[in-house]
Amino acid sequence: MIKYVKNVWTYHLIVDIPIIIFSYYWVEYRSTLLIVLFGGLIYPFVYRPIIDYYRLLSLEEIEEKDFSKMWKWGGLYRFKYYSKLMFGV
């Protein structure tokens, strides 16, 4: 996973594909509980911190021991590295 998220374009593709799928199902089925759980809870609080952890690890911004910090204050720890995550600089 680390080698895939090092490239900024691949990272954005991995991050944005679930949002596109979520949007499609939201338009088609409206208020399904599964859609609400994924879009409101699983994506921002589970999926995204894990992907951001691997991206920061591949850019050598954090160490492997910092995995638990990705959930610090509800995931706000990763905003410290916003420019690194979004642009790679």
Protein backbone atom coordinates (compact mmCIF):
# COMPACT_ATOMS: atom_id res chain seq x y z
CA MET A 1 0.00 0.00 0.00
CA ILE A 2 2.85 2.38 0.79
CA LYS A 3 4.22 2.38 -2.75
CA TYR A 4 0.78 3.20 -4.20
CA VAL A 5 0.02 6.23 -2.06
CA LYS A 6 3.39 7.89 -2.56
CA ASN A 7 2.24 9.31 -5.89
CA VAL A 8 -0.15 12.23 -5.30
CA TRP A 9 -2.45 11.27 -8.20
CA THR A 10 -2.79 7.68 -7.04
CA TYR A 11 -3.45 8.84 -3.50
CA HIS A 12 -6.30 11.09 -4.63
CA LEU A 13 -7.73 8.30 -6.75
CA ILE A 14 -7.73 5.90 -3.78
CA VAL A 15 -9.30 8.54 -1.55
CA ASP A 16 -11.94 9.78 -4.02
CA ILE A 17 -13.25 6.49 -5.49
CA PRO A 18 -15.30 5.63 -2.34
CA ILE A 19 -16.85 9.12 -2.38
CA ILE A 20 -17.92 8.65 -6.01
CA ILE A 21 -19.43 5.26 -5.18
CA PHE A 22 -21.11 6.70 -2.09
CA SER A 23 -22.59 9.55 -4.14
CA TYR A 24 -23.97 7.17 -6.74
CA TYR A 25 -25.72 5.02 -4.14
CA TRP A 26 -26.98 8.08 -2.30
CA VAL A 27 -28.66 9.35 -5.48
CA GLU A 28 -30.09 5.93 -6.31
CA TYR A 29 -31.33 4.72 -2.93
CA ARG A 30 -31.47 7.89 -0.78
CA SER A 31 -31.65 6.94 2.88
CA THR A 32 -30.36 3.42 3.24
CA LEU A 33 -28.78 2.78 6.64
CA LEU A 34 -25.68 1.23 5.03
CA ILE A 35 -25.10 4.37 2.99
CA VAL A 36 -25.47 6.60 6.03
CA LEU A 37 -23.08 4.45 8.07
CA PHE A 38 -20.45 4.37 5.34
CA GLY A 39 -20.70 8.00 4.33
CA GLY A 40 -21.07 9.43 7.78
CA LEU A 41 -18.96 7.18 9.97
CA ILE A 42 -16.79 4.59 8.28
CA TYR A 43 -15.26 6.75 5.55
CA PRO A 44 -14.14 9.79 7.58
CA PHE A 45 -13.26 8.01 10.82
CA VAL A 46 -11.87 4.66 9.66
CA TYR A 47 -11.01 4.51 5.94
CA ARG A 48 -9.53 7.97 5.50
CA PRO A 49 -7.21 7.96 8.55
CA ILE A 50 -5.77 4.61 7.47
CA ILE A 51 -5.09 5.83 3.93
CA ASP A 52 -3.64 9.10 5.26
CA TYR A 53 -1.40 7.14 7.62
CA TYR A 54 0.04 5.14 4.73
CA ARG A 55 0.55 8.30 2.68
CA LEU A 56 2.41 10.07 5.49
CA LEU A 57 4.43 6.93 6.14
CA SER A 58 5.45 6.73 2.48
CA LEU A 59 6.48 10.40 2.53
CA GLU A 60 8.48 9.70 5.71
CA GLU A 61 6.62 12.38 7.66
CA ILE A 62 5.61 10.04 10.49
CA GLU A 63 6.87 6.77 11.91
CA GLU A 64 5.09 3.44 12.23
CA LYS A 65 4.52 4.02 15.94
CA ASP A 66 2.33 7.07 15.12
CA PHE A 67 -0.57 4.92 13.85
CA SER A 68 -2.63 5.48 16.99
CA LYS A 69 -2.23 9.26 16.65
CA MET A 70 -4.28 9.22 13.44
CA TRP A 71 -7.39 8.93 15.61
CA LYS A 72 -6.32 11.65 18.03
CA TRP A 73 -9.15 14.15 18.58
CA GLY A 74 -11.40 12.43 16.09
CA GLY A 75 -8.86 12.38 13.28
CA LEU A 76 -7.77 16.01 13.52
CA TYR A 77 -4.12 15.00 13.97
CA ARG A 78 -3.77 14.42 10.22
CA PHE A 79 -4.71 18.03 9.43
CA LYS A 80 -1.31 18.98 10.79
CA TYR A 81 0.07 17.44 7.58
CA TYR A 82 -2.58 18.80 5.19
CA SER A 83 -0.20 20.20 2.56
CA LYS A 84 1.85 16.99 2.57
CA LEU A 85 -1.27 14.86 2.13
CA MET A 86 -2.92 16.92 -0.59
CA PHE A 87 0.05 18.20 -2.58
CA GLY A 88 3.09 16.24 -1.45
CA VAL A 89 5.03 19.39 -0.50
